[in-house]
């Protein structure tokens, strides 16, 4: 699927530039005999969605301080991503567009990492989503994104707000 491969290559070109403690690092991208790959940091832990699912099964609420710390660290990673520039100092206008508990990992050591920039928009992407297609998790999506209007970093902040609301109110 040419469009899928194009999006995969776009994601790789984008995230290989990002180097921040709250973003899972991608070290290399490429293809071997027509098989495409991303070599990325292994985050030994769970996504926030799996972590909170386990807490719910145990009828244990997430401590408020931990929820707020997760939100703070995700916002730090997003601030870095939103301000990222290319090698010429030009803004990338990067927006994750699919931030949700499934795309945030908490390592067993307590690190918080944003993953999966596959739906991201930026100025360096070559493959663009068809105009009628909405990419991302509707439950966490900013209204303007759901309406297929142009978005910026504020759409990601909306997603963080929804995620925090869920974590805090359970």
Protein backbone atom coordinates (compact mmCIF):
# COMPACT_ATOMS: atom_id res chain seq x y z
CA UNK A 1 0.00 0.00 0.00
CA UNK A 2 1.83 3.05 -1.31
CA UNK A 3 -0.07 5.53 0.91
CA UNK A 4 0.70 3.51 4.05
CA UNK A 5 4.38 3.23 3.14
CA UNK A 6 4.45 6.98 2.45
CA UNK A 7 2.95 7.74 5.87
CA UNK A 8 5.40 5.33 7.49
CA UNK A 9 8.36 7.04 5.80
CA UNK A 10 6.99 10.47 6.75
CA UNK A 11 6.70 9.41 10.38
CA UNK A 12 10.25 8.07 10.32
CA UNK A 13 11.69 11.24 8.71
CA UNK A 14 9.89 13.31 11.31
CA UNK A 15 10.55 11.43 14.54
CA UNK A 16 14.19 10.65 13.81
CA UNK A 17 14.73 14.43 14.29
CA UNK A 18 13.14 14.48 17.75
CA UNK A 19 15.35 14.05 20.79
CA UNK A 20 13.55 14.69 24.07
CA UNK A 21 13.24 12.62 27.28
CA UNK A 22 9.43 12.51 26.93
CA UNK A 23 9.39 11.28 23.32
CA UNK A 24 10.32 7.68 22.50
CA UNK A 25 13.49 8.00 20.46
CA UNK A 26 13.70 6.72 16.90
CA UNK A 27 17.30 5.95 16.04
CA UNK A 28 17.12 4.91 12.43
CA UNK A 29 14.77 4.25 9.56
CA UNK A 30 15.24 2.40 6.33
CA UNK A 31 14.39 -0.65 4.32
CA UNK A 32 16.07 -4.00 3.86
CA UNK A 33 15.11 -5.91 0.74
CA UNK A 34 11.89 -3.92 0.43
CA UNK A 35 10.93 -4.34 4.12
CA UNK A 36 10.68 -0.98 5.91
CA UNK A 37 11.75 -0.58 9.51
CA UNK A 38 12.07 1.90 12.37
CA UNK A 39 14.69 1.19 15.02
CA UNK A 40 13.35 2.86 18.11
CA UNK A 41 13.81 3.04 21.83
CA UNK A 42 12.24 0.19 23.72
CA UNK A 43 10.13 1.57 26.56
CA UNK A 44 9.96 -1.18 29.16
CA UNK A 45 6.59 -0.54 30.72
CA UNK A 46 2.95 -0.06 29.78
CA UNK A 47 0.86 2.43 27.89
CA UNK A 48 -1.26 4.65 30.10
CA UNK A 49 -4.37 2.87 28.77
CA UNK A 50 -3.07 -0.57 29.81
CA UNK A 51 -1.77 0.76 33.13
CA UNK A 52 -5.10 2.38 34.04
CA UNK A 53 -7.07 -0.65 32.83
CA UNK A 54 -5.11 -2.77 35.31
CA UNK A 55 -5.79 -0.25 38.11
CA UNK A 56 -9.51 -0.32 37.32
CA UNK A 57 -9.54 -4.12 37.42
CA UNK A 58 -8.03 -3.87 40.90
CA UNK A 59 -10.50 -1.11 41.85
CA UNK A 60 -7.55 1.13 42.68
CA UNK A 61 -7.73 4.82 41.73
CA UNK A 62 -4.77 6.52 40.11
CA UNK A 63 -3.21 8.90 42.66
CA UNK A 64 -3.84 12.55 41.74
CA UNK A 65 -0.14 13.41 41.89
CA UNK A 66 0.73 10.66 39.44
CA UNK A 67 -2.01 11.74 37.01
CA UNK A 68 -0.76 15.33 37.15
CA UNK A 69 2.87 14.23 36.71
CA UNK A 70 1.95 12.22 33.62
CA UNK A 71 0.13 15.28 32.24
CA UNK A 72 3.06 17.57 33.03
CA UNK A 73 5.61 15.32 31.35
CA UNK A 74 3.43 14.79 28.27
CA UNK A 75 3.08 18.59 27.99
CA UNK A 76 6.86 18.97 28.20
CA UNK A 77 7.31 16.51 25.33
CA UNK A 78 4.61 18.24 23.30
CA UNK A 79 6.12 21.68 23.92
CA UNK A 80 9.39 20.39 22.50
CA UNK A 81 7.66 18.78 19.50
CA UNK A 82 5.55 21.86 18.78
CA UNK A 83 8.67 24.07 18.77
CA UNK A 84 10.82 21.66 16.71
CA UNK A 85 12.70 23.06 13.73
CA UNK A 86 14.32 21.51 10.67
CA UNK A 87 18.05 21.60 9.95
CA UNK A 88 17.66 25.12 8.49
CA UNK A 89 15.95 26.48 11.59
CA UNK A 90 12.51 26.51 9.99
CA UNK A 91 9.57 25.41 12.20
CA UNK A 92 8.21 21.92 11.51
CA UNK A 93 4.69 22.94 12.61
CA UNK A 94 4.46 19.50 14.19
CA UNK A 95 1.14 18.32 15.65
CA UNK A 96 0.83 14.75 16.97
CA UNK A 97 -2.94 14.55 16.20
CA UNK A 98 -3.41 11.18 17.90
CA UNK A 99 -2.48 11.76 21.51
CA UNK A 100 -4.36 9.38 23.81
CA UNK A 101 -3.58 7.02 26.71
CA UNK A 102 -2.70 4.38 24.10
CA UNK A 103 0.10 6.62 22.76
CA UNK A 104 1.72 7.51 26.07
CA UNK A 105 3.95 4.99 27.83
CA UNK A 106 4.99 4.86 31.46
CA UNK A 107 8.16 2.85 31.96
CA UNK A 108 8.74 0.67 34.98
CA UNK A 109 11.38 3.24 35.98
CA UNK A 110 8.80 6.05 35.93
CA UNK A 111 9.68 7.64 32.58
CA UNK A 112 6.79 9.02 30.52
CA UNK A 113 7.17 8.78 26.73
CA UNK A 114 4.96 9.91 23.85
CA UNK A 115 4.85 7.33 21.06
CA UNK A 116 3.35 6.89 17.59
CA UNK A 117 3.68 10.04 15.51
CA UNK A 118 2.11 8.19 12.56
CA UNK A 119 -0.85 10.58 12.35
CA UNK A 120 1.27 13.69 12.91
CA UNK A 121 1.13 16.67 10.62
CA UNK A 122 4.19 18.73 9.88
CA UNK A 123 5.73 20.88 7.20
CA UNK A 124 8.07 18.06 6.06
CA UNK A 125 5.46 15.38 5.39
CA UNK A 126 5.18 14.31 1.79
CA UNK A 127 2.15 12.02 2.13
CA UNK A 128 -0.97 13.88 3.18
CA UNK A 129 -4.17 12.36 4.48
CA UNK A 130 -7.09 12.51 2.06
CA UNK A 131 -9.28 15.54 2.89
CA UNK A 132 -12.32 13.46 3.90
CA UNK A 133 -10.39 11.16 6.23
CA UNK A 134 -10.02 11.96 9.92
CA UNK A 135 -7.00 10.30 11.53
CA UNK A 136 -6.79 9.89 15.27
CA UNK A 137 -8.90 8.74 18.20
CA UNK A 138 -12.20 10.63 18.13
CA UNK A 139 -12.57 10.37 21.91
CA UNK A 140 -9.49 12.58 22.41
CA UNK A 141 -9.74 14.70 19.28
CA UNK A 142 -10.13 18.47 19.33
CA UNK A 143 -13.40 19.60 17.71
CA UNK A 144 -11.62 21.48 14.90
CA UNK A 145 -9.66 18.34 14.01
CA UNK A 146 -12.85 16.25 13.97
CA UNK A 147 -14.38 18.86 11.63
CA UNK A 148 -11.31 18.50 9.35
CA UNK A 149 -10.28 22.11 9.95
CA UNK A 150 -6.61 23.15 10.16
CA UNK A 151 -5.03 22.38 13.54
CA UNK A 152 -1.96 23.44 15.47
CA UNK A 153 -0.43 22.40 18.79
CA UNK A 154 -3.55 23.43 20.67
CA UNK A 155 -5.29 20.33 19.30
CA UNK A 156 -2.72 18.19 21.13
CA UNK A 157 -3.27 20.18 24.32
CA UNK A 158 -7.00 19.49 24.02
CA UNK A 159 -6.17 15.78 23.85
CA UNK A 160 -3.99 16.04 26.97
CA UNK A 161 -6.87 17.78 28.74
CA UNK A 162 -9.27 14.96 27.88
CA UNK A 163 -6.70 12.38 28.98
CA UNK A 164 -6.11 14.20 32.28
CA UNK A 165 -9.85 14.56 32.88
CA UNK A 166 -10.20 10.79 32.50
CA UNK A 167 -7.23 10.05 34.75
CA UNK A 168 -8.40 12.41 37.48
CA UNK A 169 -12.14 11.70 37.45
CA UNK A 170 -11.62 7.99 36.75
